[in-house]
Amino acid sequence: MKKYKVIVLDRHGNEKPLDEKKNDEQLLEINFKSEKSRIYYYENMKQKYPDCSIKMMMCQ
């Protein structure tokens, strides 16, 4: 399982709040069981935020 930090940036580089956030953390952290699930999540985020840049950074 790999953990990723997810951030959504608008076209001006400002962070957009995510619906998935449960608290006031700067970044959303998600564990993915497979590469396929990570890609599926990314594709869904691109549809949900079409005018934004989706960043996913691997955590340790």
PDB file of N, CA and C in Angstrom:
ATOM      1  N   MET A   1       0.839  -1.169   0.000  1.00  0.00           N
ATOM      2  CA  MET A   1       0.000   0.000   0.000  1.00  0.00           C
ATOM      3  C   MET A   1       0.892   1.241   0.000  1.00  0.00           C
ATOM      4  N   LYS A   2       0.563   2.218  -0.823  1.00  0.00           N
ATOM      5  CA  LYS A   2       1.333   3.457  -0.898  1.00  0.00           C
ATOM      6  C   LYS A   2       0.457   4.625  -0.490  1.00  0.00           C
ATOM      7  N   LYS A   3       1.056   5.561   0.230  1.00  0.00           N
ATOM      8  CA  LYS A   3       0.341   6.733   0.711  1.00  0.00           C
ATOM      9  C   LYS A   3       0.717   7.937  -0.159  1.00  0.00           C
ATOM     10  N   TYR A   4      -0.290   8.712  -0.558  1.00  0.00           N
ATOM     11  CA  TYR A   4      -0.078   9.900  -1.378  1.00  0.00           C
ATOM     12  C   TYR A   4      -0.737  11.100  -0.737  1.00  0.00           C
ATOM     13  N   LYS A   5      -0.100  12.253  -0.911  1.00  0.00           N
ATOM     14  CA  LYS A   5      -0.712  13.522  -0.539  1.00  0.00           C
ATOM     15  C   LYS A   5      -1.333  14.089  -1.809  1.00  0.00           C
ATOM     16  N   VAL A   6      -2.567  14.579  -1.686  1.00  0.00           N
ATOM     17  CA  VAL A   6      -3.299  15.089  -2.846  1.00  0.00           C
ATOM     18  C   VAL A   6      -3.586  16.569  -2.637  1.00  0.00           C
ATOM     19  N   ILE A   7      -3.304  17.360  -3.659  1.00  0.00           N
ATOM     20  CA  ILE A   7      -3.598  18.780  -3.618  1.00  0.00           C
ATOM     21  C   ILE A   7      -4.173  19.192  -4.971  1.00  0.00           C
ATOM     22  N   VAL A   8      -5.153  20.087  -4.942  1.00  0.00           N
ATOM     23  CA  VAL A   8      -5.784  20.593  -6.158  1.00  0.00           C
ATOM     24  C   VAL A   8      -5.475  22.084  -6.253  1.00  0.00           C
ATOM     25  N   LEU A   9      -4.885  22.486  -7.386  1.00  0.00           N
ATOM     26  CA  LEU A   9      -4.525  23.884  -7.598  1.00  0.00           C
ATOM     27  C   LEU A   9      -5.348  24.461  -8.735  1.00  0.00           C
ATOM     28  N   ASP A  10      -5.847  25.697  -8.539  1.00  0.00           N
ATOM     29  CA  ASP A  10      -6.568  26.356  -9.626  1.00  0.00           C
ATOM     30  C   ASP A  10      -5.553  26.923 -10.618  1.00  0.00           C
ATOM     31  N   ARG A  11      -6.024  27.576 -11.656  1.00  0.00           N
ATOM     32  CA  ARG A  11      -5.117  28.040 -12.712  1.00  0.00           C
ATOM     33  C   ARG A  11      -4.186  29.159 -12.257  1.00  0.00           C
ATOM     34  N   HIS A  12      -4.470  29.762 -11.094  1.00  0.00           N
ATOM     35  CA  HIS A  12      -3.621  30.811 -10.536  1.00  0.00           C
ATOM     36  C   HIS A  12      -2.643  30.258  -9.501  1.00  0.00           C
ATOM     37  N   GLY A  13      -2.680  28.943  -9.267  1.00  0.00           N
ATOM     38  CA  GLY A  13      -1.778  28.308  -8.321  1.00  0.00           C
ATOM     39  C   GLY A  13      -2.294  28.288  -6.888  1.00  0.00           C
ATOM     40  N   ASN A  14      -3.552  28.678  -6.687  1.00  0.00           N
ATOM     41  CA  ASN A  14      -4.134  28.663  -5.346  1.00  0.00           C
ATOM     42  C   ASN A  14      -4.733  27.294  -5.046  1.00  0.00           C
ATOM     43  N   GLU A  15      -4.569  26.845  -3.794  1.00  0.00           N
ATOM     44  CA  GLU A  15      -5.131  25.560  -3.393  1.00  0.00           C
ATOM     45  C   GLU A  15      -6.647  25.655  -3.322  1.00  0.00           C
ATOM     46  N   LYS A  16      -7.301  24.650  -3.869  1.00  0.00           N
ATOM     47  CA  LYS A  16      -8.758  24.560  -3.823  1.00  0.00           C
ATOM     48  C   LYS A  16      -9.155  23.600  -2.721  1.00  0.00           C
ATOM     49  N   PRO A  17     -10.135  23.971  -1.895  1.00  0.00           N
ATOM     50  CA  PRO A  17     -10.563  23.030  -0.850  1.00  0.00           C
ATOM     51  C   PRO A  17     -11.222  21.797  -1.457  1.00  0.00           C
ATOM     52  N   LEU A  18     -10.966  20.655  -0.835  1.00  0.00           N
ATOM     53  CA  LEU A  18     -11.520  19.390  -1.309  1.00  0.00           C
ATOM     54  C   LEU A  18     -12.698  18.986  -0.448  1.00  0.00           C
ATOM     55  N   ASP A  19     -13.714  18.407  -1.065  1.00  0.00           N
ATOM     56  CA  ASP A  19     -14.877  17.908  -0.335  1.00  0.00           C
ATOM     57  C   ASP A  19     -14.491  16.774   0.602  1.00  0.00           C
ATOM     58  N   GLU A  20     -13.425  16.009   0.240  1.00  0.00           N
ATOM     59  CA  GLU A  20     -13.028  14.840   1.013  1.00  0.00           C
ATOM     60  C   GLU A  20     -12.351  15.189   2.330  1.00  0.00           C
ATOM     61  N   LYS A  21     -11.932  16.462   2.495  1.00  0.00           N
ATOM     62  CA  LYS A  21     -11.223  16.839   3.715  1.00  0.00           C
ATOM     63  C   LYS A  21     -12.145  16.729   4.913  1.00  0.00           C
ATOM     64  N   LYS A  22     -11.689  16.046   5.926  1.00  0.00           N
ATOM     65  CA  LYS A  22     -12.467  15.874   7.148  1.00  0.00           C
ATOM     66  C   LYS A  22     -12.086  16.907   8.199  1.00  0.00           C
ATOM     67  N   ASN A  23     -10.902  17.528   8.044  1.00  0.00           N
ATOM     68  CA  ASN A  23     -10.443  18.527   8.995  1.00  0.00           C
ATOM     69  C   ASN A  23      -9.700  19.626   8.242  1.00  0.00           C
ATOM     70  N   ASP A  24      -8.941  20.435   8.953  1.00  0.00           N
ATOM     71  CA  ASP A  24      -8.277  21.586   8.340  1.00  0.00           C
ATOM     72  C   ASP A  24      -6.841  21.308   7.908  1.00  0.00           C
ATOM     73  N   GLU A  25      -6.521  20.060   7.600  1.00  0.00           N
ATOM     74  CA  GLU A  25      -5.175  19.737   7.145  1.00  0.00           C
ATOM     75  C   GLU A  25      -4.883  20.438   5.827  1.00  0.00           C
ATOM     76  N   GLN A  26      -3.612  20.752   5.616  1.00  0.00           N
ATOM     77  CA  GLN A  26      -3.199  21.423   4.387  1.00  0.00           C
ATOM     78  C   GLN A  26      -3.397  20.519   3.170  1.00  0.00           C
ATOM     79  N   LEU A  27      -3.082  19.235   3.319  1.00  0.00           N
ATOM     80  CA  LEU A  27      -3.169  18.287   2.214  1.00  0.00           C
ATOM     81  C   LEU A  27      -3.991  17.073   2.625  1.00  0.00           C
ATOM     82  N   LEU A  28      -4.643  16.486   1.664  1.00  0.00           N
ATOM     83  CA  LEU A  28      -5.373  15.247   1.885  1.00  0.00           C
ATOM     84  C   LEU A  28      -4.413  14.081   1.670  1.00  0.00           C
ATOM     85  N   GLU A  29      -4.361  13.141   2.617  1.00  0.00           N
ATOM     86  CA  GLU A  29      -3.511  11.966   2.481  1.00  0.00           C
ATOM     87  C   GLU A  29      -4.383  10.733   2.270  1.00  0.00           C
ATOM     88  N   ILE A  30      -4.031   9.940   1.255  1.00  0.00           N
ATOM     89  CA  ILE A  30      -4.822   8.763   0.900  1.00  0.00           C
ATOM     90  C   ILE A  30      -3.890   7.574   0.701  1.00  0.00           C
ATOM     91  N   ASN A  31      -4.317   6.407   1.183  1.00  0.00           N
ATOM     92  CA  ASN A  31      -3.607   5.149   0.940  1.00  0.00           C
ATOM     93  C   ASN A  31      -4.260   4.432  -0.232  1.00  0.00           C
ATOM     94  N   PHE A  32      -3.452   4.003  -1.193  1.00  0.00           N
ATOM     95  CA  PHE A  32      -3.938   3.241  -2.340  1.00  0.00           C
ATOM     96  C   PHE A  32      -3.375   1.841  -2.281  1.00  0.00           C
ATOM     97  N   LYS A  33      -4.223   0.854  -2.511  1.00  0.00           N
ATOM     98  CA  LYS A  33      -3.792  -0.543  -2.472  1.00  0.00           C
ATOM     99  C   LYS A  33      -3.066  -0.959  -3.736  1.00  0.00           C
ATOM    100  N   SER A  34      -3.385  -0.276  -4.852  1.00  0.00           N
ATOM    101  CA  SER A  34      -2.748  -0.640  -6.120  1.00  0.00           C
ATOM    102  C   SER A  34      -2.572   0.594  -6.990  1.00  0.00           C
ATOM    103  N   GLU A  35      -1.736   0.446  -7.994  1.00  0.00           N
ATOM    104  CA  GLU A  35      -1.519   1.520  -8.959  1.00  0.00           C
ATOM    105  C   GLU A  35      -2.814   1.815  -9.727  1.00  0.00           C
ATOM    106  N   LYS A  36      -3.576   0.784  -9.982  1.00  0.00           N
ATOM    107  CA  LYS A  36      -4.845   0.933 -10.694  1.00  0.00           C
ATOM    108  C   LYS A  36      -5.823   1.808  -9.903  1.00  0.00           C
ATOM    109  N   SER A  37      -5.903   1.613  -8.592  1.00  0.00           N
ATOM    110  CA  SER A  37      -6.813   2.417  -7.768  1.00  0.00           C
ATOM    111  C   SER A  37      -6.361   3.866  -7.712  1.00  0.00           C
ATOM    112  N   ARG A  38      -5.029   4.095  -7.707  1.00  0.00           N
ATOM    113  CA  ARG A  38      -4.513   5.463  -7.707  1.00  0.00           C
ATOM    114  C   ARG A  38      -4.864   6.172  -9.015  1.00  0.00           C
ATOM    115  N   ILE A  39      -4.717   5.487 -10.120  1.00  0.00           N
ATOM    116  CA  ILE A  39      -5.043   6.071 -11.429  1.00  0.00           C
ATOM    117  C   ILE A  39      -6.537   6.358 -11.522  1.00  0.00           C
ATOM    118  N   TYR A  40      -7.359   5.436 -11.041  1.00  0.00           N
ATOM    119  CA  TYR A  40      -8.810   5.622 -11.050  1.00  0.00           C
ATOM    120  C   TYR A  40      -9.187   6.867 -10.236  1.00  0.00           C
ATOM    121  N   TYR A  41      -8.592   7.027  -9.054  1.00  0.00           N
ATOM    122  CA  TYR A  41      -8.874   8.196  -8.214  1.00  0.00           C
ATOM    123  C   TYR A  41      -8.453   9.479  -8.936  1.00  0.00           C
ATOM    124  N   TYR A  42      -7.272   9.473  -9.553  1.00  0.00           N
ATOM    125  CA  TYR A  42      -6.770  10.637 -10.276  1.00  0.00           C
ATOM    126  C   TYR A  42      -7.712  11.028 -11.419  1.00  0.00           C
ATOM    127  N   GLU A  43      -8.156  10.048 -12.184  1.00  0.00           N
ATOM    128  CA  GLU A  43      -9.073  10.315 -13.296  1.00  0.00           C
ATOM    129  C   GLU A  43     -10.400  10.909 -12.788  1.00  0.00           C
ATOM    130  N   ASN A  44     -10.898  10.402 -11.664  1.00  0.00           N
ATOM    131  CA  ASN A  44     -12.122  10.962 -11.079  1.00  0.00           C
ATOM    132  C   ASN A  44     -11.918  12.401 -10.625  1.00  0.00           C
ATOM    133  N   MET A  45     -10.758  12.690 -10.052  1.00  0.00           N
ATOM    134  CA  MET A  45     -10.463  14.057  -9.603  1.00  0.00           C
ATOM    135  C   MET A  45     -10.364  15.009 -10.793  1.00  0.00           C
ATOM    136  N   LYS A  46      -9.790  14.543 -11.903  1.00  0.00           N
ATOM    137  CA  LYS A  46      -9.696  15.379 -13.105  1.00  0.00           C
ATOM    138  C   LYS A  46     -11.083  15.715 -13.645  1.00  0.00           C
ATOM    139  N   GLN A  47     -12.035  14.788 -13.516  1.00  0.00           N
ATOM    140  CA  GLN A  47     -13.405  15.060 -13.950  1.00  0.00           C
ATOM    141  C   GLN A  47     -14.112  16.000 -12.979  1.00  0.00           C
ATOM    142  N   LYS A  48     -13.838  15.851 -11.708  1.00  0.00           N
ATOM    143  CA  LYS A  48     -14.479  16.667 -10.683  1.00  0.00           C
ATOM    144  C   LYS A  48     -13.961  18.113 -10.701  1.00  0.00           C
ATOM    145  N   TYR A  49     -12.674  18.285 -10.996  1.00  0.00           N
ATOM    146  CA  TYR A  49     -12.029  19.601 -11.046  1.00  0.00           C
ATOM    147  C   TYR A  49     -11.374  19.788 -12.411  1.00  0.00           C
ATOM    148  N   PRO A  50     -12.177  19.970 -13.475  1.00  0.00           N
ATOM    149  CA  PRO A  50     -11.616  19.988 -14.836  1.00  0.00           C
ATOM    150  C   PRO A  50     -10.672  21.156 -15.132  1.00  0.00           C
ATOM    151  N   ASP A  51     -10.834  22.285 -14.457  1.00  0.00           N
ATOM    152  CA  ASP A  51      -9.998  23.452 -14.735  1.00  0.00           C
ATOM    153  C   ASP A  51      -8.815  23.574 -13.783  1.00  0.00           C
ATOM    154  N   CYS A  52      -8.538  22.520 -13.028  1.00  0.00           N
ATOM    155  CA  CYS A  52      -7.489  22.560 -12.010  1.00  0.00           C
ATOM    156  C   CYS A  52      -6.382  21.561 -12.300  1.00  0.00           C
ATOM    157  N   SER A  53      -5.278  21.751 -11.604  1.00  0.00           N
ATOM    158  CA  SER A  53      -4.163  20.822 -11.667  1.00  0.00           C
ATOM    159  C   SER A  53      -4.204  19.935 -10.414  1.00  0.00           C
ATOM    160  N   ILE A  54      -4.166  18.636 -10.613  1.00  0.00           N
ATOM    161  CA  ILE A  54      -4.212  17.673  -9.523  1.00  0.00           C
ATOM    162  C   ILE A  54      -2.780  17.186  -9.261  1.00  0.00           C
ATOM    163  N   LYS A  55      -2.301  17.356  -8.054  1.00  0.00           N
ATOM    164  CA  LYS A  55      -0.958  16.916  -7.676  1.00  0.00           C
ATOM    165  C   LYS A  55      -1.071  15.775  -6.685  1.00  0.00           C
ATOM    166  N   MET A  56      -0.333  14.714  -6.935  1.00  0.00           N
ATOM    167  CA  MET A  56      -0.302  13.558  -6.030  1.00  0.00           C
ATOM    168  C   MET A  56       1.155  13.256  -5.728  1.00  0.00           C
ATOM    169  N   MET A  57       1.540  13.448  -4.476  1.00  0.00           N
ATOM    170  CA  MET A  57       2.923  13.239  -4.066  1.00  0.00           C
ATOM    171  C   MET A  57       3.011  12.038  -3.139  1.00  0.00           C
ATOM    172  N   MET A  58       3.923  11.105  -3.434  1.00  0.00           N
ATOM    173  CA  MET A  58       4.077   9.912  -2.616  1.00  0.00           C
ATOM    174  C   MET A  58       4.699  10.283  -1.271  1.00  0.00           C
ATOM    175  N   CYS A  59       4.151   9.726  -0.196  1.00  0.00           N
ATOM    176  CA  CYS A  59       4.658   9.924   1.161  1.00  0.00           C
ATOM    177  C   CYS A  59       5.423   8.678   1.588  1.00  0.00           C
ATOM    178  N   GLN A  60       6.167   8.814   2.654  1.00  0.00           N
ATOM    179  CA  GLN A  60       6.855   7.649   3.216  1.00  0.00           C
ATOM    180  C   GLN A  60       6.230   7.280   4.520  1.00  0.00           C
TER     181      GLN A  60
END
